[in-house]
Structures are given as C-alpha cells and as structure tokens.
C-alpha cells in the first residue's frame, strides 16, 4: 500500500487557499477542489476495464481520517468484484424511499439531545416541532437544497432574527449528523453550500428601538459568534433589561462606558 501523502494541516491550507487543486493521498484517494467554496474527496478506481471517480464526501464535513476509511471500504468492495459506485447508487435509492427529513430529525434528537442528557432538551424540540418538521418534514433529507433552507430562514428572520439564527444552528447540526452517519453527502445549511452571490446564511443585523427611547443596534450572529449590543454615546444609563434581550445575550453584552463609574 502506498504511503499516505497528505496531512490534516495540508488539506486545511489547500482548502483555505481557494485555488482549484487535485491532491493525492495515495491508493487512488484525492482531494478535489474545483472552486473557492467547496472541496470533495474522490476515489479513482478501475472496474470492468473502465476508470471511475467516486465522490466519498465533501470537505470539511468529512475530514481526512474519515475519507481514508471510506476509501478503504470502497476498495474492499472492489476486492469482492463489486462496483462501489453501483453499490452507492443502490443504497441511496433505498434510503430515499424510507429516509425522510423527519426521520433524520428524530434520529438526531434521540442521539444528540436525549442520549447526551442536555440541560434544556425542550428548546431544540420546540424548533423541530414549530419550524423544521412542518416545513421540511415530508421531504427526503437528500432532496433538501440550500435554497430550501434559505427560504425557511427568510420566512422567520423578519419576525424574529434571534430565533432565525437559533434555527440555522439546529439545522446545521441536524444535517451534519446526517453527513457523519453517511446518510447525506453534504450539508445544505453550510455557507459553502449557498449559491454564488448573496449568502442567505450570513449574520442577521436589525435596528431596534425599545421603550427606553434609545436606539440599539442588535447584531444576531450564527452559532459560535458573540452577540452584542452597541449603545449610542449618550449621557444617561440604559439598563440591559430594557433592551428586551434574553438573559444569555445580556451576559455577553458590554455595558455602556458610563456604567463603570457607579
């Protein structure tokens, strides 16, 4: 067996560079990057005298270590005189018949929320029942596109930007769970999955005027970002509770500069 040539760091650097590239890891496994946003793992093999390229998954949803495992499993099929591409197509056809987005959501909730004993399981359950399942539950998970996810967010972010960002966070986690379980090839809720042009998954920014009479710019950002309030330069103190923000947001919000004097 040829010695592996890639490292996780080299793969990450090539992906961030953005230039089209085809990097070999040995034994037919390649990192294939055709545009700035996306990259995929592919296996080049020969079956029945014809060359084939098999897409194993998208990077970074599928890391280097997992891609090597997938490539090894495909080579085992070749040793058994089975075409990995034909086996993949048959498996996907079977999953489409029984694999709805609703079943993916329920599997994620049992494995990632209930089984881990999260402190507030009712929160993700509410987003499933109120937003995700009514809109997307009847579709096959593999048929949902970035445009479907963007439409779901657009319907909500005008009324509640905070809820829209929380919904995006849960949606990303559900689809990432499907990718890890090899139920899906990619995550349609990732920014890289969006089409060229305006990114529907960018942070939502709204201007809100509260009853205290002070204009507050509230930046509601996706998971992993800090939420904050920007207070105008005024001589009077504005308590954070008057902004109407949630308790978690108040903890992350900086106090006005003149509050430090008291």
Foldseek 3Di string as FASTA:
>chain_A
DDAFDDDQVRVVVVLQVFDFDWADRDQQWIWGHDGNLWIWIWGWDDAPRRIDIHTPAIPPLPTPVNSVVSNVVQVVCVVVRHHSVVVVVVVLVVCQVPAFLQVLLVVCLVPPPVVVPDPCSVVVVCLCVPQPCVQGRVHHPQPDALVSLLVSLVVPCVPPLQVSQVSLQSLQSSQSVCVVVVVYRDRRSDQSRDDPDDGSQAWDWDWDQFPVRFIWTWTRGHPPDQTEIDGDDDDDFDDPVRVVDDPVNVVRYDGDPVVVVD
